[in-house]
């Protein structure tokens, strides 16, 4: 069955978008934000994905500012695949400077979208579009989720904030 002109254009745009997201993920993998950066961590946690062999540790520095606790520095280290490293880099880029509440909401929305293949809308969809491409590859979802799940465990390790 022949494709209509619109279907052909849609497929071409989808391939171009896929390539754009792959390029973004590759850039984060090659020059990851927060990778092996020394910070004065208030909490750290190690996460493991036995299916892929990924092992990362996420560390956060937290300061209490204007009635809220804010992530002032975040870093990660460990051995991981390109998707996990890119996801951790995007995480470091997006959560630094955010409050713990904002970070938890953002993390829940992203992990929910990746886990259940639901769409995100608005600013978050734009910020995380390269990661949302992973929805098409169920085996790789855990690689993308590991940094975010590890971040949430890291935040649970924090002492009570003032």
C-alpha atoms as a PDB file:
ATOM      1  CA  UNK A   1       0.000   0.000   0.000  1.00  0.00           C
ATOM      2  CA  UNK A   2       1.444   3.352  -1.076  1.00  0.00           C
ATOM      3  CA  UNK A   3       1.907   6.146   1.426  1.00  0.00           C
ATOM      4  CA  UNK A   4       0.096   9.407   0.998  1.00  0.00           C
ATOM      5  CA  UNK A   5       2.187  12.529   0.589  1.00  0.00           C
ATOM      6  CA  UNK A   6       1.303  13.569   4.160  1.00  0.00           C
ATOM      7  CA  UNK A   7       2.328  10.156   5.548  1.00  0.00           C
ATOM      8  CA  UNK A   8       5.621  10.357   3.667  1.00  0.00           C
ATOM      9  CA  UNK A   9       6.284  13.864   5.034  1.00  0.00           C
ATOM     10  CA  UNK A  10       5.321  12.724   8.561  1.00  0.00           C
ATOM     11  CA  UNK A  11       7.722   9.771   8.354  1.00  0.00           C
ATOM     12  CA  UNK A  12      10.531  12.015   7.116  1.00  0.00           C
ATOM     13  CA  UNK A  13       9.906  14.517   9.921  1.00  0.00           C
ATOM     14  CA  UNK A  14       9.802  11.682  12.457  1.00  0.00           C
ATOM     15  CA  UNK A  15      13.179  10.355  11.228  1.00  0.00           C
ATOM     16  CA  UNK A  16      14.680  13.858  11.365  1.00  0.00           C
ATOM     17  CA  UNK A  17      13.334  14.384  14.880  1.00  0.00           C
ATOM     18  CA  UNK A  18      14.699  10.985  15.936  1.00  0.00           C
ATOM     19  CA  UNK A  19      18.140  11.929  14.566  1.00  0.00           C
ATOM     20  CA  UNK A  20      18.003  15.275  16.363  1.00  0.00           C
ATOM     21  CA  UNK A  21      17.240  13.562  19.677  1.00  0.00           C
ATOM     22  CA  UNK A  22      19.987  10.989  19.088  1.00  0.00           C
ATOM     23  CA  UNK A  23      22.412  13.855  18.470  1.00  0.00           C
ATOM     24  CA  UNK A  24      21.321  15.535  21.723  1.00  0.00           C
ATOM     25  CA  UNK A  25      21.764  12.305  23.706  1.00  0.00           C
ATOM     26  CA  UNK A  26      25.157  11.689  22.123  1.00  0.00           C
ATOM     27  CA  UNK A  27      26.299  15.221  22.992  1.00  0.00           C
ATOM     28  CA  UNK A  28      25.304  14.665  26.639  1.00  0.00           C
ATOM     29  CA  UNK A  29      27.107  11.317  26.630  1.00  0.00           C
ATOM     30  CA  UNK A  30      30.331  12.734  25.171  1.00  0.00           C
ATOM     31  CA  UNK A  31      30.426  15.854  27.367  1.00  0.00           C
ATOM     32  CA  UNK A  32      28.232  15.025  30.349  1.00  0.00           C
ATOM     33  CA  UNK A  33      27.225  17.790  32.697  1.00  0.00           C
ATOM     34  CA  UNK A  34      28.051  16.965  36.323  1.00  0.00           C
ATOM     35  CA  UNK A  35      30.138  13.871  35.526  1.00  0.00           C
ATOM     36  CA  UNK A  36      32.933  13.317  38.041  1.00  0.00           C
ATOM     37  CA  UNK A  37      32.573  16.864  39.359  1.00  0.00           C
ATOM     38  CA  UNK A  38      33.759  17.291  42.948  1.00  0.00           C
ATOM     39  CA  UNK A  39      31.083  18.852  45.146  1.00  0.00           C
ATOM     40  CA  UNK A  40      30.564  19.242  48.895  1.00  0.00           C
ATOM     41  CA  UNK A  41      27.794  16.617  48.944  1.00  0.00           C
ATOM     42  CA  UNK A  42      25.156  16.558  51.649  1.00  0.00           C
ATOM     43  CA  UNK A  43      23.885  13.197  50.371  1.00  0.00           C
ATOM     44  CA  UNK A  44      24.886  10.514  47.886  1.00  0.00           C
ATOM     45  CA  UNK A  45      23.371   7.256  46.743  1.00  0.00           C
ATOM     46  CA  UNK A  46      24.496   4.484  44.419  1.00  0.00           C
ATOM     47  CA  UNK A  47      22.127   3.042  41.841  1.00  0.00           C
ATOM     48  CA  UNK A  48      22.558  -0.135  39.805  1.00  0.00           C
ATOM     49  CA  UNK A  49      20.860  -1.504  36.709  1.00  0.00           C
ATOM     50  CA  UNK A  50      21.840  -5.178  36.667  1.00  0.00           C
ATOM     51  CA  UNK A  51      20.248  -5.729  33.241  1.00  0.00           C
ATOM     52  CA  UNK A  52      22.682  -3.308  31.577  1.00  0.00           C
ATOM     53  CA  UNK A  53      25.509  -3.206  34.095  1.00  0.00           C
ATOM     54  CA  UNK A  54      25.089   0.509  34.815  1.00  0.00           C
ATOM     55  CA  UNK A  55      26.397   1.647  38.187  1.00  0.00           C
ATOM     56  CA  UNK A  56      26.197   5.325  39.099  1.00  0.00           C
ATOM     57  CA  UNK A  57      26.373   7.399  42.233  1.00  0.00           C
ATOM     58  CA  UNK A  58      24.433  10.655  42.424  1.00  0.00           C
ATOM     59  CA  UNK A  59      25.528  13.332  44.912  1.00  0.00           C
ATOM     60  CA  UNK A  60      23.732  16.550  45.861  1.00  0.00           C
ATOM     61  CA  UNK A  61      24.664  19.685  47.741  1.00  0.00           C
ATOM     62  CA  UNK A  62      21.652  21.367  49.305  1.00  0.00           C
ATOM     63  CA  UNK A  63      21.247  24.858  50.729  1.00  0.00           C
ATOM     64  CA  UNK A  64      18.264  26.312  52.528  1.00  0.00           C
ATOM     65  CA  UNK A  65      17.230  29.489  50.707  1.00  0.00           C
ATOM     66  CA  UNK A  66      14.104  31.580  51.107  1.00  0.00           C
ATOM     67  CA  UNK A  67      12.046  28.979  52.972  1.00  0.00           C
ATOM     68  CA  UNK A  68      13.006  26.178  50.575  1.00  0.00           C
ATOM     69  CA  UNK A  69      15.814  23.673  50.196  1.00  0.00           C
ATOM     70  CA  UNK A  70      17.586  24.118  46.857  1.00  0.00           C
ATOM     71  CA  UNK A  71      19.952  21.815  44.981  1.00  0.00           C
ATOM     72  CA  UNK A  72      22.981  24.075  44.615  1.00  0.00           C
ATOM     73  CA  UNK A  73      25.226  21.388  43.124  1.00  0.00           C
ATOM     74  CA  UNK A  74      24.668  17.930  41.691  1.00  0.00           C
ATOM     75  CA  UNK A  75      27.129  15.433  40.285  1.00  0.00           C
ATOM     76  CA  UNK A  76      27.382  11.801  39.302  1.00  0.00           C
ATOM     77  CA  UNK A  77      30.068   9.226  38.681  1.00  0.00           C
ATOM     78  CA  UNK A  78      30.330   5.581  37.771  1.00  0.00           C
ATOM     79  CA  UNK A  79      30.306   3.231  34.813  1.00  0.00           C
ATOM     80  CA  UNK A  80      27.250   3.378  32.601  1.00  0.00           C
ATOM     81  CA  UNK A  81      25.992   3.092  29.059  1.00  0.00           C
ATOM     82  CA  UNK A  82      25.520   6.119  26.800  1.00  0.00           C
ATOM     83  CA  UNK A  83      21.794   6.433  27.551  1.00  0.00           C
ATOM     84  CA  UNK A  84      22.293   6.322  31.308  1.00  0.00           C
ATOM     85  CA  UNK A  85      25.134   8.855  31.164  1.00  0.00           C
ATOM     86  CA  UNK A  86      23.152  11.179  28.886  1.00  0.00           C
ATOM     87  CA  UNK A  87      20.127  10.922  31.163  1.00  0.00           C
ATOM     88  CA  UNK A  88      22.267  11.741  34.209  1.00  0.00           C
ATOM     89  CA  UNK A  89      23.772  14.709  32.368  1.00  0.00           C
ATOM     90  CA  UNK A  90      20.318  16.031  31.460  1.00  0.00           C
ATOM     91  CA  UNK A  91      19.276  15.502  35.074  1.00  0.00           C
ATOM     92  CA  UNK A  92      22.234  17.547  36.343  1.00  0.00           C
ATOM     93  CA  UNK A  93      21.462  20.281  33.831  1.00  0.00           C
ATOM     94  CA  UNK A  94      17.794  20.477  34.764  1.00  0.00           C
ATOM     95  CA  UNK A  95      17.727  20.115  38.558  1.00  0.00           C
ATOM     96  CA  UNK A  96      20.587  22.354  39.665  1.00  0.00           C
ATOM     97  CA  UNK A  97      19.047  25.460  41.185  1.00  0.00           C
ATOM     98  CA  UNK A  98      15.645  23.807  41.661  1.00  0.00           C
ATOM     99  CA  UNK A  99      13.995  23.289  45.029  1.00  0.00           C
ATOM    100  CA  UNK A 100      13.653  19.774  46.371  1.00  0.00           C
ATOM    101  CA  UNK A 101       9.905  19.920  45.742  1.00  0.00           C
ATOM    102  CA  UNK A 102      10.367  21.072  42.134  1.00  0.00           C
ATOM    103  CA  UNK A 103      12.956  18.337  41.623  1.00  0.00           C
ATOM    104  CA  UNK A 104      10.700  15.637  43.047  1.00  0.00           C
ATOM    105  CA  UNK A 105       7.776  16.732  40.871  1.00  0.00           C
ATOM    106  CA  UNK A 106       9.945  16.894  37.751  1.00  0.00           C
ATOM    107  CA  UNK A 107      11.466  13.499  38.492  1.00  0.00           C
ATOM    108  CA  UNK A 108       8.068  11.865  39.099  1.00  0.00           C
ATOM    109  CA  UNK A 109       6.690  13.294  35.863  1.00  0.00           C
ATOM    110  CA  UNK A 110       9.645  12.125  33.801  1.00  0.00           C
ATOM    111  CA  UNK A 111       9.871   8.665  35.335  1.00  0.00           C
ATOM    112  CA  UNK A 112       6.105   8.268  34.973  1.00  0.00           C
ATOM    113  CA  UNK A 113       6.224   9.290  31.319  1.00  0.00           C
ATOM    114  CA  UNK A 114       9.117   6.928  30.550  1.00  0.00           C
ATOM    115  CA  UNK A 115       7.648   4.032  32.527  1.00  0.00           C
ATOM    116  CA  UNK A 116       4.146   4.206  31.100  1.00  0.00           C
ATOM    117  CA  UNK A 117       4.755   5.699  27.630  1.00  0.00           C
ATOM    118  CA  UNK A 118       2.530   8.671  28.366  1.00  0.00           C
ATOM    119  CA  UNK A 119       3.227  12.024  26.780  1.00  0.00           C
ATOM    120  CA  UNK A 120       4.468  15.070  28.601  1.00  0.00           C
ATOM    121  CA  UNK A 121       3.229  18.511  27.669  1.00  0.00           C
ATOM    122  CA  UNK A 122       4.578  22.004  27.987  1.00  0.00           C
ATOM    123  CA  UNK A 123       8.049  23.043  29.037  1.00  0.00           C
ATOM    124  CA  UNK A 124       8.955  19.649  30.514  1.00  0.00           C
ATOM    125  CA  UNK A 125       8.167  17.878  27.245  1.00  0.00           C
ATOM    126  CA  UNK A 126      10.576  20.197  25.476  1.00  0.00           C
ATOM    127  CA  UNK A 127      13.309  19.831  28.113  1.00  0.00           C
ATOM    128  CA  UNK A 128      13.111  16.054  28.125  1.00  0.00           C
ATOM    129  CA  UNK A 129      12.264  15.312  24.489  1.00  0.00           C
ATOM    130  CA  UNK A 130      15.576  13.482  23.838  1.00  0.00           C
ATOM    131  CA  UNK A 131      14.910  11.182  26.800  1.00  0.00           C
ATOM    132  CA  UNK A 132      11.283  10.635  25.844  1.00  0.00           C
ATOM    133  CA  UNK A 133      12.512   9.122  22.581  1.00  0.00           C
ATOM    134  CA  UNK A 134      13.647   6.168  24.737  1.00  0.00           C
ATOM    135  CA  UNK A 135       9.963   5.217  25.154  1.00  0.00           C
ATOM    136  CA  UNK A 136      10.288   3.486  21.772  1.00  0.00           C
ATOM    137  CA  UNK A 137      12.942   1.131  23.190  1.00  0.00           C
ATOM    138  CA  UNK A 138      11.528  -0.706  26.220  1.00  0.00           C
ATOM    139  CA  UNK A 139      14.785  -2.510  27.007  1.00  0.00           C
ATOM    140  CA  UNK A 140      16.597   0.844  27.365  1.00  0.00           C
ATOM    141  CA  UNK A 141      14.055   2.555  29.632  1.00  0.00           C
ATOM    142  CA  UNK A 142      15.785   1.337  32.788  1.00  0.00           C
ATOM    143  CA  UNK A 143      19.026   2.909  31.563  1.00  0.00           C
ATOM    144  CA  UNK A 144      17.339   6.307  31.235  1.00  0.00           C
ATOM    145  CA  UNK A 145      15.459   5.921  34.530  1.00  0.00           C
ATOM    146  CA  UNK A 146      18.427   4.898  36.692  1.00  0.00           C
ATOM    147  CA  UNK A 147      19.845   8.405  37.308  1.00  0.00           C
ATOM    148  CA  UNK A 148      16.421   9.802  38.182  1.00  0.00           C
ATOM    149  CA  UNK A 149      15.531   6.925  40.505  1.00  0.00           C
ATOM    150  CA  UNK A 150      18.965   7.243  42.118  1.00  0.00           C
ATOM    151  CA  UNK A 151      18.414  10.985  42.572  1.00  0.00           C
ATOM    152  CA  UNK A 152      15.153  10.314  44.394  1.00  0.00           C
ATOM    153  CA  UNK A 153      16.947   7.832  46.684  1.00  0.00           C
ATOM    154  CA  UNK A 154      19.702  10.411  47.237  1.00  0.00           C
ATOM    155  CA  UNK A 155      17.142  12.988  48.360  1.00  0.00           C
ATOM    156  CA  UNK A 156      15.747  10.455  50.858  1.00  0.00           C
ATOM    157  CA  UNK A 157      19.241  10.311  52.429  1.00  0.00           C
ATOM    158  CA  UNK A 158      19.250  14.021  53.251  1.00  0.00           C
ATOM    159  CA  UNK A 159      19.138  15.024  56.892  1.00  0.00           C
ATOM    160  CA  UNK A 160      16.107  17.099  57.836  1.00  0.00           C
ATOM    161  CA  UNK A 161      16.449  20.591  56.424  1.00  0.00           C
ATOM    162  CA  UNK A 162      15.803  23.632  58.642  1.00  0.00           C
END
